Amino acid sequence: MTKTEIAKAFSNGEFEKTYKFISDNAEWIVIEQDRFIGKKAILDNCEQVGNYFKSVTTNFKTLNIIAEGNKVVINGTAEFLRDNKHVSFVSACDVYEFNEKSEIQKITSYCIQSK
C-alpha cells in the first residue's frame, strides 16, 4: 500500500488493513479528546472504535487528500446511522506523518461533531 492508501484506509475506519504499517513507537493524538502512545495503545483504540463502527451503519466521505513527502492529510465526513436513524455526524481532518520505513509515526486527528 502507498502512504496515501494507508492513510485513507485508517481515516475510513479500515484499521486492520493498516496495522502492519504502524510504527511500534507511533503516537495518535485526537485533539481535545485523547492521546495514544505506542502501537499497542493505538491498536487497542482501533479495536474499540471498530466495534462501534460495527454497531452502526457508517457513511464515510473523503473530501480532500493532500500528500507531500512523508505527510498525508485527509479531510472528510462520517455519518453514523442505527436502524436508519441519524446517530451522529462528524467532520474530520487527519494528519499523518510517516517515518523512513513508510510506517505511520504520528497521527493528529481533528474531529468536530455536529450538534
PDB file of N, CA and C in Angstrom:
ATOM      1  N   MET A   1       0.835  -1.193   0.000  1.00  0.00           N
ATOM      2  CA  MET A   1       0.000   0.000   0.000  1.00  0.00           C
ATOM      3  C   MET A   1       0.878   1.253   0.000  1.00  0.00           C
ATOM      4  N   THR A   2       0.413   2.274  -0.676  1.00  0.00           N
ATOM      5  CA  THR A   2       1.114   3.552  -0.651  1.00  0.00           C
ATOM      6  C   THR A   2       0.769   4.296   0.644  1.00  0.00           C
ATOM      7  N   LYS A   3       1.510   5.336   0.943  1.00  0.00           N
ATOM      8  CA  LYS A   3       1.215   6.140   2.131  1.00  0.00           C
ATOM      9  C   LYS A   3      -0.204   6.696   2.054  1.00  0.00           C
ATOM     10  N   THR A   4      -0.601   7.159   0.891  1.00  0.00           N
ATOM     11  CA  THR A   4      -1.946   7.706   0.726  1.00  0.00           C
ATOM     12  C   THR A   4      -3.003   6.630   0.959  1.00  0.00           C
ATOM     13  N   GLU A   5      -2.792   5.432   0.438  1.00  0.00           N
ATOM     14  CA  GLU A   5      -3.744   4.330   0.639  1.00  0.00           C
ATOM     15  C   GLU A   5      -3.835   3.931   2.107  1.00  0.00           C
ATOM     16  N   ILE A   6      -2.694   3.914   2.795  1.00  0.00           N
ATOM     17  CA  ILE A   6      -2.674   3.587   4.224  1.00  0.00           C
ATOM     18  C   ILE A   6      -3.475   4.630   4.996  1.00  0.00           C
ATOM     19  N   ALA A   7      -3.190   5.902   4.727  1.00  0.00           N
ATOM     20  CA  ALA A   7      -3.876   6.990   5.433  1.00  0.00           C
ATOM     21  C   ALA A   7      -5.379   6.957   5.157  1.00  0.00           C
ATOM     22  N   LYS A   8      -5.763   6.760   3.909  1.00  0.00           N
ATOM     23  CA  LYS A   8      -7.187   6.742   3.562  1.00  0.00           C
ATOM     24  C   LYS A   8      -7.895   5.580   4.247  1.00  0.00           C
ATOM     25  N   ALA A   9      -7.267   4.407   4.275  1.00  0.00           N
ATOM     26  CA  ALA A   9      -7.872   3.247   4.947  1.00  0.00           C
ATOM     27  C   ALA A   9      -8.078   3.544   6.428  1.00  0.00           C
ATOM     28  N   PHE A  10      -7.076   4.111   7.084  1.00  0.00           N
ATOM     29  CA  PHE A  10      -7.188   4.429   8.509  1.00  0.00           C
ATOM     30  C   PHE A  10      -8.299   5.448   8.732  1.00  0.00           C
ATOM     31  N   SER A  11      -8.322   6.516   7.934  1.00  0.00           N
ATOM     32  CA  SER A  11      -9.337   7.556   8.091  1.00  0.00           C
ATOM     33  C   SER A  11     -10.747   7.029   7.858  1.00  0.00           C
ATOM     34  N   ASN A  12     -10.871   5.993   7.030  1.00  0.00           N
ATOM     35  CA  ASN A  12     -12.183   5.419   6.731  1.00  0.00           C
ATOM     36  C   ASN A  12     -12.529   4.231   7.636  1.00  0.00           C
ATOM     37  N   GLY A  13     -11.771   4.067   8.709  1.00  0.00           N
ATOM     38  CA  GLY A  13     -12.095   3.037   9.689  1.00  0.00           C
ATOM     39  C   GLY A  13     -11.720   1.626   9.279  1.00  0.00           C
ATOM     40  N   GLU A  14     -10.929   1.480   8.228  1.00  0.00           N
ATOM     41  CA  GLU A  14     -10.453   0.162   7.797  1.00  0.00           C
ATOM     42  C   GLU A  14      -9.116  -0.109   8.491  1.00  0.00           C
ATOM     43  N   PHE A  15      -9.169  -0.105   9.820  1.00  0.00           N
ATOM     44  CA  PHE A  15      -7.951  -0.126  10.627  1.00  0.00           C
ATOM     45  C   PHE A  15      -7.079  -1.348  10.392  1.00  0.00           C
ATOM     46  N   GLU A  16      -7.685  -2.533  10.312  1.00  0.00           N
ATOM     47  CA  GLU A  16      -6.902  -3.773  10.212  1.00  0.00           C
ATOM     48  C   GLU A  16      -5.972  -3.770   9.001  1.00  0.00           C
ATOM     49  N   LYS A  17      -6.374  -3.108   7.930  1.00  0.00           N
ATOM     50  CA  LYS A  17      -5.526  -3.021   6.735  1.00  0.00           C
ATOM     51  C   LYS A  17      -4.240  -2.254   7.017  1.00  0.00           C
ATOM     52  N   THR A  18      -4.248  -1.413   8.059  1.00  0.00           N
ATOM     53  CA  THR A  18      -3.118  -0.521   8.311  1.00  0.00           C
ATOM     54  C   THR A  18      -2.199  -0.998   9.430  1.00  0.00           C
ATOM     55  N   TYR A  19      -2.602  -2.018  10.174  1.00  0.00           N
ATOM     56  CA  TYR A  19      -1.850  -2.414  11.373  1.00  0.00           C
ATOM     57  C   TYR A  19      -0.370  -2.644  11.113  1.00  0.00           C
ATOM     58  N   LYS A  20      -0.041  -3.312  10.019  1.00  0.00           N
ATOM     59  CA  LYS A  20       1.380  -3.615   9.777  1.00  0.00           C
ATOM     60  C   LYS A  20       2.171  -2.382   9.347  1.00  0.00           C
ATOM     61  N   PHE A  21       1.472  -1.275   9.102  1.00  0.00           N
ATOM     62  CA  PHE A  21       2.123  -0.035   8.672  1.00  0.00           C
ATOM     63  C   PHE A  21       2.219   0.998   9.792  1.00  0.00           C
ATOM     64  N   ILE A  22       1.967   0.580  11.029  1.00  0.00           N
ATOM     65  CA  ILE A  22       2.050   1.495  12.172  1.00  0.00           C
ATOM     66  C   ILE A  22       3.339   1.206  12.932  1.00  0.00           C
ATOM     67  N   SER A  23       4.139   2.221  13.128  1.00  0.00           N
ATOM     68  CA  SER A  23       5.407   2.094  13.838  1.00  0.00           C
ATOM     69  C   SER A  23       5.170   1.676  15.290  1.00  0.00           C
ATOM     70  N   ASP A  24       6.102   0.912  15.856  1.00  0.00           N
ATOM     71  CA  ASP A  24       5.972   0.455  17.248  1.00  0.00           C
ATOM     72  C   ASP A  24       5.868   1.615  18.233  1.00  0.00           C
ATOM     73  N   ASN A  25       6.528   2.730  17.932  1.00  0.00           N
ATOM     74  CA  ASN A  25       6.502   3.872  18.855  1.00  0.00           C
ATOM     75  C   ASN A  25       5.671   5.034  18.296  1.00  0.00           C
ATOM     76  N   ALA A  26       4.662   4.700  17.512  1.00  0.00           N
ATOM     77  CA  ALA A  26       3.784   5.719  16.923  1.00  0.00           C
ATOM     78  C   ALA A  26       2.950   6.412  17.998  1.00  0.00           C
ATOM     79  N   GLU A  27       2.405   7.551  17.615  1.00  0.00           N
ATOM     80  CA  GLU A  27       1.560   8.334  18.516  1.00  0.00           C
ATOM     81  C   GLU A  27       0.326   8.790  17.736  1.00  0.00           C
ATOM     82  N   TRP A  28      -0.835   8.717  18.393  1.00  0.00           N
ATOM     83  CA  TRP A  28      -2.089   9.189  17.789  1.00  0.00           C
ATOM     84  C   TRP A  28      -2.718  10.181  18.755  1.00  0.00           C
ATOM     85  N   ILE A  29      -2.814  11.411  18.314  1.00  0.00           N
ATOM     86  CA  ILE A  29      -3.410  12.468  19.127  1.00  0.00           C
ATOM     87  C   ILE A  29      -4.763  12.831  18.513  1.00  0.00           C
ATOM     88  N   VAL A  30      -5.811  12.707  19.295  1.00  0.00           N
ATOM     89  CA  VAL A  30      -7.131  13.169  18.887  1.00  0.00           C
ATOM     90  C   VAL A  30      -7.349  14.464  19.665  1.00  0.00           C
ATOM     91  N   ILE A  31      -7.236  15.577  18.952  1.00  0.00           N
ATOM     92  CA  ILE A  31      -7.252  16.901  19.578  1.00  0.00           C
ATOM     93  C   ILE A  31      -8.481  17.089  20.468  1.00  0.00           C
ATOM     94  N   GLU A  32      -8.222  17.579  21.684  1.00  0.00           N
ATOM     95  CA  GLU A  32      -9.263  17.855  22.691  1.00  0.00           C
ATOM     96  C   GLU A  32      -9.959  16.603  23.219  1.00  0.00           C
ATOM     97  N   GLN A  33      -9.442  15.398  22.859  1.00  0.00           N
ATOM     98  CA  GLN A  33     -10.109  14.176  23.306  1.00  0.00           C
ATOM     99  C   GLN A  33      -9.172  13.165  23.953  1.00  0.00           C
ATOM    100  N   ASP A  34      -8.110  12.746  23.232  1.00  0.00           N
ATOM    101  CA  ASP A  34      -7.299  11.651  23.748  1.00  0.00           C
ATOM    102  C   ASP A  34      -5.935  11.616  23.088  1.00  0.00           C
ATOM    103  N   ARG A  35      -5.062  10.776  23.645  1.00  0.00           N
ATOM    104  CA  ARG A  35      -3.713  10.586  23.112  1.00  0.00           C
ATOM    105  C   ARG A  35      -3.321   9.130  23.342  1.00  0.00           C
ATOM    106  N   PHE A  36      -2.855   8.478  22.291  1.00  0.00           N
ATOM    107  CA  PHE A  36      -2.457   7.073  22.363  1.00  0.00           C
ATOM    108  C   PHE A  36      -0.992   6.982  21.965  1.00  0.00           C
ATOM    109  N   ILE A  37      -0.170   6.447  22.871  1.00  0.00           N
ATOM    110  CA  ILE A  37       1.266   6.367  22.638  1.00  0.00           C
ATOM    111  C   ILE A  37       1.665   4.903  22.511  1.00  0.00           C
ATOM    112  N   GLY A  38       2.301   4.568  21.385  1.00  0.00           N
ATOM    113  CA  GLY A  38       2.742   3.212  21.119  1.00  0.00           C
ATOM    114  C   GLY A  38       1.725   2.446  20.286  1.00  0.00           C
ATOM    115  N   LYS A  39       2.238   1.511  19.509  1.00  0.00           N
ATOM    116  CA  LYS A  39       1.398   0.732  18.591  1.00  0.00           C
ATOM    117  C   LYS A  39       0.290  -0.007  19.327  1.00  0.00           C
ATOM    118  N   LYS A  40       0.608  -0.610  20.476  1.00  0.00           N
ATOM    119  CA  LYS A  40      -0.409  -1.370  21.207  1.00  0.00           C
ATOM    120  C   LYS A  40      -1.583  -0.479  21.619  1.00  0.00           C
ATOM    121  N   ALA A  41      -1.289   0.701  22.141  1.00  0.00           N
ATOM    122  CA  ALA A  41      -2.360   1.619  22.562  1.00  0.00           C
ATOM    123  C   ALA A  41      -3.205   2.045  21.362  1.00  0.00           C
ATOM    124  N   ILE A  42      -2.543   2.272  20.221  1.00  0.00           N
ATOM    125  CA  ILE A  42      -3.272   2.661  19.010  1.00  0.00           C
ATOM    126  C   ILE A  42      -4.160   1.511  18.539  1.00  0.00           C
ATOM    127  N   LEU A  43      -3.614   0.302  18.493  1.00  0.00           N
ATOM    128  CA  LEU A  43      -4.404  -0.854  18.032  1.00  0.00           C
ATOM    129  C   LEU A  43      -5.568  -1.134  18.980  1.00  0.00           C
ATOM    130  N   ASP A  44      -5.345  -0.991  20.267  1.00  0.00           N
ATOM    131  CA  ASP A  44      -6.435  -1.190  21.239  1.00  0.00           C
ATOM    132  C   ASP A  44      -7.565  -0.199  20.978  1.00  0.00           C
ATOM    133  N   ASN A  45      -7.216   1.060  20.712  1.00  0.00           N
ATOM    134  CA  ASN A  45      -8.250   2.051  20.429  1.00  0.00           C
ATOM    135  C   ASN A  45      -8.932   1.756  19.097  1.00  0.00           C
ATOM    136  N   CYS A  46      -8.167   1.333  18.114  1.00  0.00           N
ATOM    137  CA  CYS A  46      -8.758   0.966  16.816  1.00  0.00           C
ATOM    138  C   CYS A  46      -9.791  -0.146  16.992  1.00  0.00           C
ATOM    139  N   GLU A  47      -9.482  -1.126  17.832  1.00  0.00           N
ATOM    140  CA  GLU A  47     -10.429  -2.226  18.077  1.00  0.00           C
ATOM    141  C   GLU A  47     -11.712  -1.695  18.711  1.00  0.00           C
ATOM    142  N   GLN A  48     -11.566  -0.792  19.663  1.00  0.00           N
ATOM    143  CA  GLN A  48     -12.728  -0.213  20.341  1.00  0.00           C
ATOM    144  C   GLN A  48     -13.576   0.599  19.359  1.00  0.00           C
ATOM    145  N   VAL A  49     -12.933   1.440  18.572  1.00  0.00           N
ATOM    146  CA  VAL A  49     -13.645   2.248  17.581  1.00  0.00           C
ATOM    147  C   VAL A  49     -14.268   1.345  16.515  1.00  0.00           C
ATOM    148  N   GLY A  50     -13.518   0.328  16.103  1.00  0.00           N
ATOM    149  CA  GLY A  50     -14.020  -0.626  15.114  1.00  0.00           C
ATOM    150  C   GLY A  50     -15.275  -1.342  15.588  1.00  0.00           C
ATOM    151  N   ASN A  51     -15.314  -1.677  16.869  1.00  0.00           N
ATOM    152  CA  ASN A  51     -16.513  -2.313  17.426  1.00  0.00           C
ATOM    153  C   ASN A  51     -17.706  -1.372  17.357  1.00  0.00           C
ATOM    154  N   TYR A  52     -17.476  -0.096  17.616  1.00  0.00           N
ATOM    155  CA  TYR A  52     -18.561   0.879  17.485  1.00  0.00           C
ATOM    156  C   TYR A  52     -19.029   0.942  16.029  1.00  0.00           C
ATOM    157  N   PHE A  53     -18.074   0.994  15.090  1.00  0.00           N
ATOM    158  CA  PHE A  53     -18.431   1.065  13.673  1.00  0.00           C
ATOM    159  C   PHE A  53     -19.279  -0.134  13.256  1.00  0.00           C
ATOM    160  N   LYS A  54     -19.033  -1.293  13.869  1.00  0.00           N
ATOM    161  CA  LYS A  54     -19.825  -2.487  13.546  1.00  0.00           C
ATOM    162  C   LYS A  54     -21.249  -2.395  14.089  1.00  0.00           C
ATOM    163  N   SER A  55     -21.469  -1.516  15.078  1.00  0.00           N
ATOM    164  CA  SER A  55     -22.802  -1.395  15.689  1.00  0.00           C
ATOM    165  C   SER A  55     -23.681  -0.374  14.971  1.00  0.00           C
ATOM    166  N   VAL A  56     -23.109   0.326  13.993  1.00  0.00           N
ATOM    167  CA  VAL A  56     -23.844   1.347  13.254  1.00  0.00           C
ATOM    168  C   VAL A  56     -23.562   1.193  11.755  1.00  0.00           C
ATOM    169  N   THR A  57     -24.361   1.851  10.963  1.00  0.00           N
ATOM    170  CA  THR A  57     -24.068   1.962   9.538  1.00  0.00           C
ATOM    171  C   THR A  57     -23.252   3.233   9.359  1.00  0.00           C
ATOM    172  N   THR A  58     -22.122   3.116   8.689  1.00  0.00           N
ATOM    173  CA  THR A  58     -21.245   4.270   8.524  1.00  0.00           C
ATOM    174  C   THR A  58     -21.242   4.722   7.073  1.00  0.00           C
ATOM    175  N   ASN A  59     -21.201   6.024   6.899  1.00  0.00           N
ATOM    176  CA  ASN A  59     -21.112   6.608   5.564  1.00  0.00           C
ATOM    177  C   ASN A  59     -19.949   7.599   5.590  1.00  0.00           C
ATOM    178  N   PHE A  60     -18.767   7.117   5.160  1.00  0.00           N
ATOM    179  CA  PHE A  60     -17.581   7.966   5.121  1.00  0.00           C
ATOM    180  C   PHE A  60     -17.486   8.642   3.762  1.00  0.00           C
ATOM    181  N   LYS A  61     -17.140   9.923   3.760  1.00  0.00           N
ATOM    182  CA  LYS A  61     -16.887  10.644   2.516  1.00  0.00           C
ATOM    183  C   LYS A  61     -15.543  11.332   2.635  1.00  0.00           C
ATOM    184  N   THR A  62     -14.635  11.023   1.723  1.00  0.00           N
ATOM    185  CA  THR A  62     -13.342  11.688   1.670  1.00  0.00           C
ATOM    186  C   THR A  62     -13.500  12.910   0.779  1.00  0.00           C
ATOM    187  N   LEU A  63     -13.171  14.073   1.315  1.00  0.00           N
ATOM    188  CA  LEU A  63     -13.315  15.316   0.558  1.00  0.00           C
ATOM    189  C   LEU A  63     -12.011  15.743  -0.102  1.00  0.00           C
ATOM    190  N   ASN A  64     -10.908  15.658   0.642  1.00  0.00           N
ATOM    191  CA  ASN A  64      -9.604  16.078   0.111  1.00  0.00           C
ATOM    192  C   ASN A  64      -8.497  15.185   0.640  1.00  0.00           C
ATOM    193  N   ILE A  65      -7.505  14.961  -0.210  1.00  0.00           N
ATOM    194  CA  ILE A  65      -6.282  14.269   0.187  1.00  0.00           C
ATOM    195  C   ILE A  65      -5.114  15.116  -0.319  1.00  0.00           C
ATOM    196  N   ILE A  66      -4.224  15.465   0.603  1.00  0.00           N
ATOM    197  CA  ILE A  66      -3.029  16.220   0.248  1.00  0.00           C
ATOM    198  C   ILE A  66      -1.838  15.383   0.708  1.00  0.00           C
ATOM    199  N   ALA A  67      -0.947  15.077  -0.223  1.00  0.00           N
ATOM    200  CA  ALA A  67       0.226  14.263   0.116  1.00  0.00           C
ATOM    201  C   ALA A  67       1.487  14.954  -0.383  1.00  0.00           C
ATOM    202  N   GLU A  68       2.468  15.019   0.506  1.00  0.00           N
ATOM    203  CA  GLU A  68       3.759  15.586   0.133  1.00  0.00           C
ATOM    204  C   GLU A  68       4.829  14.984   1.026  1.00  0.00           C
ATOM    205  N   GLY A  69       5.831  14.419   0.425  1.00  0.00           N
ATOM    206  CA  GLY A  69       6.917  13.814   1.187  1.00  0.00           C
ATOM    207  C   GLY A  69       6.390  12.731   2.121  1.00  0.00           C
ATOM    208  N   ASN A  70       6.695  12.860   3.394  1.00  0.00           N
ATOM    209  CA  ASN A  70       6.279  11.861   4.392  1.00  0.00           C
ATOM    210  C   ASN A  70       4.996  12.252   5.110  1.00  0.00           C
ATOM    211  N   LYS A  71       4.222  13.161   4.528  1.00  0.00           N
ATOM    212  CA  LYS A  71       2.975  13.594   5.171  1.00  0.00           C
ATOM    213  C   LYS A  71       1.790  13.394   4.235  1.00  0.00           C
ATOM    214  N   VAL A  72       0.668  12.964   4.832  1.00  0.00           N
ATOM    215  CA  VAL A  72      -0.593  12.846   4.105  1.00  0.00           C
ATOM    216  C   VAL A  72      -1.668  13.464   4.990  1.00  0.00           C
ATOM    217  N   VAL A  73      -2.497  14.313   4.402  1.00  0.00           N
ATOM    218  CA  VAL A  73      -3.594  14.950   5.126  1.00  0.00           C
ATOM    219  C   VAL A  73      -4.899  14.561   4.428  1.00  0.00           C
ATOM    220  N   ILE A  74      -5.854  14.100   5.211  1.00  0.00           N
ATOM    221  CA  ILE A  74      -7.152  13.704   4.670  1.00  0.00           C
ATOM    222  C   ILE A  74      -8.242  14.398   5.467  1.00  0.00           C
ATOM    223  N   ASN A  75      -9.175  15.021   4.746  1.00  0.00           N
ATOM    224  CA  ASN A  75     -10.342  15.532   5.454  1.00  0.00           C
ATOM    225  C   ASN A  75     -11.595  14.970   4.805  1.00  0.00           C
ATOM    226  N   GLY A  76     -12.611  14.826   5.639  1.00  0.00           N
ATOM    227  CA  GLY A  76     -13.858  14.263   5.147  1.00  0.00           C
ATOM    228  C   GLY A  76     -14.916  14.276   6.227  1.00  0.00           C
ATOM    229  N   THR A  77     -15.968  13.528   5.962  1.00  0.00           N
ATOM    230  CA  THR A  77     -17.074  13.452   6.908  1.00  0.00           C
ATOM    231  C   THR A  77     -17.437  11.996   7.168  1.00  0.00           C
ATOM    232  N   ALA A  78     -18.126  11.788   8.277  1.00  0.00           N
ATOM    233  CA  ALA A  78     -18.634  10.468   8.623  1.00  0.00           C
ATOM    234  C   ALA A  78     -20.023  10.637   9.222  1.00  0.00           C
ATOM    235  N   GLU A  79     -20.964   9.910   8.655  1.00  0.00           N
ATOM    236  CA  GLU A  79     -22.319   9.892   9.191  1.00  0.00           C
ATOM    237  C   GLU A  79     -22.565   8.510   9.760  1.00  0.00           C
ATOM    238  N   PHE A  80     -23.168   8.469  10.943  1.00  0.00           N
ATOM    239  CA  PHE A  80     -23.434   7.203  11.622  1.00  0.00           C
ATOM    240  C   PHE A  80     -24.936   7.037  11.808  1.00  0.00           C
ATOM    241  N   LEU A  81     -25.446   5.883  11.374  1.00  0.00           N
ATOM    242  CA  LEU A  81     -26.875   5.591  11.450  1.00  0.00           C
ATOM    243  C   LEU A  81     -27.088   4.280  12.198  1.00  0.00           C
ATOM    244  N   ARG A  82     -28.184   4.211  12.920  1.00  0.00           N
ATOM    245  CA  ARG A  82     -28.590   2.959  13.576  1.00  0.00           C
ATOM    246  C   ARG A  82     -30.088   2.827  13.341  1.00  0.00           C
ATOM    247  N   ASP A  83     -30.487   1.682  12.804  1.00  0.00           N
ATOM    248  CA  ASP A  83     -31.900   1.455  12.466  1.00  0.00           C
ATOM    249  C   ASP A  83     -32.431   2.583  11.588  1.00  0.00           C
ATOM    250  N   ASN A  84     -31.616   2.989  10.615  1.00  0.00           N
ATOM    251  CA  ASN A  84     -31.955   4.054   9.665  1.00  0.00           C
ATOM    252  C   ASN A  84     -32.209   5.407  10.323  1.00  0.00           C
ATOM    253  N   LYS A  85     -31.737   5.584  11.551  1.00  0.00           N
ATOM    254  CA  LYS A  85     -31.880   6.863  12.249  1.00  0.00           C
ATOM    255  C   LYS A  85     -30.494   7.470  12.457  1.00  0.00           C
ATOM    256  N   HIS A  86     -30.429   8.765  12.270  1.00  0.00           N
ATOM    257  CA  HIS A  86     -29.186   9.516  12.435  1.00  0.00           C
ATOM    258  C   HIS A  86     -28.704   9.428  13.889  1.00  0.00           C
ATOM    259  N   VAL A  87     -27.474   8.967  14.066  1.00  0.00           N
ATOM    260  CA  VAL A  87     -26.860   8.914  15.397  1.00  0.00           C
ATOM    261  C   VAL A  87     -25.928  10.106  15.580  1.00  0.00           C
ATOM    262  N   SER A  88     -25.043  10.314  14.608  1.00  0.00           N
ATOM    263  CA  SER A  88     -24.136  11.456  14.676  1.00  0.00           C
ATOM    264  C   SER A  88     -23.518  11.727  13.316  1.00  0.00           C
ATOM    265  N   PHE A  89     -22.921  12.917  13.222  1.00  0.00           N
ATOM    266  CA  PHE A  89     -22.242  13.348  12.001  1.00  0.00           C
ATOM    267  C   PHE A  89     -20.955  14.041  12.426  1.00  0.00           C
ATOM    268  N   VAL A  90     -19.837  13.642  11.829  1.00  0.00           N
ATOM    269  CA  VAL A  90     -18.537  14.175  12.215  1.00  0.00           C
ATOM    270  C   VAL A  90     -17.816  14.715  10.982  1.00  0.00           C
ATOM    271  N   SER A  91     -17.243  15.902  11.118  1.00  0.00           N
ATOM    272  CA  SER A  91     -16.313  16.429  10.121  1.00  0.00           C
ATOM    273  C   SER A  91     -14.921  16.227  10.704  1.00  0.00           C
ATOM    274  N   ALA A  92     -14.011  15.691   9.891  1.00  0.00           N
ATOM    275  CA  ALA A  92     -12.709  15.328  10.442  1.00  0.00           C
ATOM    276  C   ALA A  92     -11.573  15.679   9.494  1.00  0.00           C
ATOM    277  N   CYS A  93     -10.406  15.843  10.093  1.00  0.00           N
ATOM    278  CA  CYS A  93      -9.163  16.024   9.346  1.00  0.00           C
ATOM    279  C   CYS A  93      -8.086  15.234  10.082  1.00  0.00           C
ATOM    280  N   ASP A  94      -7.405  14.365   9.352  1.00  0.00           N
ATOM    281  CA  ASP A  94      -6.329  13.552   9.920  1.00  0.00           C
ATOM    282  C   ASP A  94      -5.019  13.915   9.227  1.00  0.00           C
ATOM    283  N   VAL A  95      -3.995  14.188  10.035  1.00  0.00           N
ATOM    284  CA  VAL A  95      -2.664  14.495   9.527  1.00  0.00           C
ATOM    285  C   VAL A  95      -1.763  13.316   9.877  1.00  0.00           C
ATOM    286  N   TYR A  96      -1.218  12.674   8.853  1.00  0.00           N
ATOM    287  CA  TYR A  96      -0.358  11.506   9.035  1.00  0.00           C
ATOM    288  C   TYR A  96       1.081  11.883   8.743  1.00  0.00           C
ATOM    289  N   GLU A  97       1.983  11.429   9.639  1.00  0.00           N
ATOM    290  CA  GLU A  97       3.413  11.597   9.417  1.00  0.00           C
ATOM    291  C   GLU A  97       4.033  10.207   9.388  1.00  0.00           C
ATOM    292  N   PHE A  98       4.773   9.921   8.315  1.00  0.00           N
ATOM    293  CA  PHE A  98       5.390   8.613   8.121  1.00  0.00           C
ATOM    294  C   PHE A  98       6.888   8.693   8.389  1.00  0.00           C
ATOM    295  N   ASN A  99       7.452   7.579   8.850  1.00  0.00           N
ATOM    296  CA  ASN A  99       8.897   7.523   9.069  1.00  0.00           C
ATOM    297  C   ASN A  99       9.601   7.068   7.783  1.00  0.00           C
ATOM    298  N   GLU A 100      10.906   6.865   7.871  1.00  0.00           N
ATOM    299  CA  GLU A 100      11.697   6.482   6.694  1.00  0.00           C
ATOM    300  C   GLU A 100      11.358   5.087   6.172  1.00  0.00           C
ATOM    301  N   LYS A 101      10.645   4.275   6.971  1.00  0.00           N
ATOM    302  CA  LYS A 101      10.223   2.931   6.538  1.00  0.00           C
ATOM    303  C   LYS A 101       8.803   2.956   5.969  1.00  0.00           C
ATOM    304  N   SER A 102       8.255   4.147   5.756  1.00  0.00           N
ATOM    305  CA  SER A 102       6.877   4.333   5.281  1.00  0.00           C
ATOM    306  C   SER A 102       5.850   3.769   6.256  1.00  0.00           C
ATOM    307  N   GLU A 103       6.190   3.843   7.549  1.00  0.00           N
ATOM    308  CA  GLU A 103       5.250   3.458   8.609  1.00  0.00           C
ATOM    309  C   GLU A 103       4.673   4.726   9.222  1.00  0.00           C
ATOM    310  N   ILE A 104       3.416   4.626   9.692  1.00  0.00           N
ATOM    311  CA  ILE A 104       2.823   5.762  10.389  1.00  0.00           C
ATOM    312  C   ILE A 104       3.594   6.000  11.678  1.00  0.00           C
ATOM    313  N   GLN A 105       4.096   7.213  11.842  1.00  0.00           N
ATOM    314  CA  GLN A 105       4.824   7.591  13.048  1.00  0.00           C
ATOM    315  C   GLN A 105       3.940   8.437  13.960  1.00  0.00           C
ATOM    316  N   LYS A 106       3.079   9.255  13.343  1.00  0.00           N
ATOM    317  CA  LYS A 106       2.229  10.144  14.139  1.00  0.00           C
ATOM    318  C   LYS A 106       0.947  10.432  13.361  1.00  0.00           C
ATOM    319  N   ILE A 107      -0.152  10.437  14.090  1.00  0.00           N
ATOM    320  CA  ILE A 107      -1.440  10.849  13.535  1.00  0.00           C
ATOM    321  C   ILE A 107      -1.984  11.945  14.441  1.00  0.00           C
ATOM    322  N   THR A 108      -2.404  13.030  13.832  1.00  0.00           N
ATOM    323  CA  THR A 108      -3.095  14.077  14.567  1.00  0.00           C
ATOM    324  C   THR A 108      -4.490  14.189  13.956  1.00  0.00           C
ATOM    325  N   SER A 109      -5.507  13.932  14.764  1.00  0.00           N
ATOM    326  CA  SER A 109      -6.893  13.928  14.278  1.00  0.00           C
ATOM    327  C   SER A 109      -7.668  15.083  14.883  1.00  0.00           C
ATOM    328  N   TYR A 110      -8.397  15.761  14.023  1.00  0.00           N
ATOM    329  CA  TYR A 110      -9.299  16.831  14.425  1.00  0.00           C
ATOM    330  C   TYR A 110     -10.714  16.353  14.072  1.00  0.00           C
ATOM    331  N   CYS A 111     -11.560  16.172  15.060  1.00  0.00           N
ATOM    332  CA  CYS A 111     -12.910  15.653  14.840  1.00  0.00           C
ATOM    333  C   CYS A 111     -13.919  16.628  15.435  1.00  0.00           C
ATOM    334  N   ILE A 112     -14.818  17.097  14.592  1.00  0.00           N
ATOM    335  CA  ILE A 112     -15.839  18.033  15.049  1.00  0.00           C
ATOM    336  C   ILE A 112     -17.197  17.371  14.844  1.00  0.00           C
ATOM    337  N   GLN A 113     -17.882  17.144  15.951  1.00  0.00           N
ATOM    338  CA  GLN A 113     -19.192  16.512  15.893  1.00  0.00           C
ATOM    339  C   GLN A 113     -20.267  17.575  15.739  1.00  0.00           C
ATOM    340  N   SER A 114     -21.153  17.378  14.766  1.00  0.00           N
ATOM    341  CA  SER A 114     -22.259  18.319  14.562  1.00  0.00           C
ATOM    342  C   SER A 114     -23.232  18.212  15.701  1.00  0.00           C
ATOM    343  N   LYS A 115     -23.833  19.343  16.026  1.00  0.00           N
ATOM    344  CA  LYS A 115     -24.794  19.374  17.134  1.00  0.00           C
ATOM    345  C   LYS A 115     -26.182  19.065  16.653  1.00  0.00           C
TER     346      LYS A 115
END
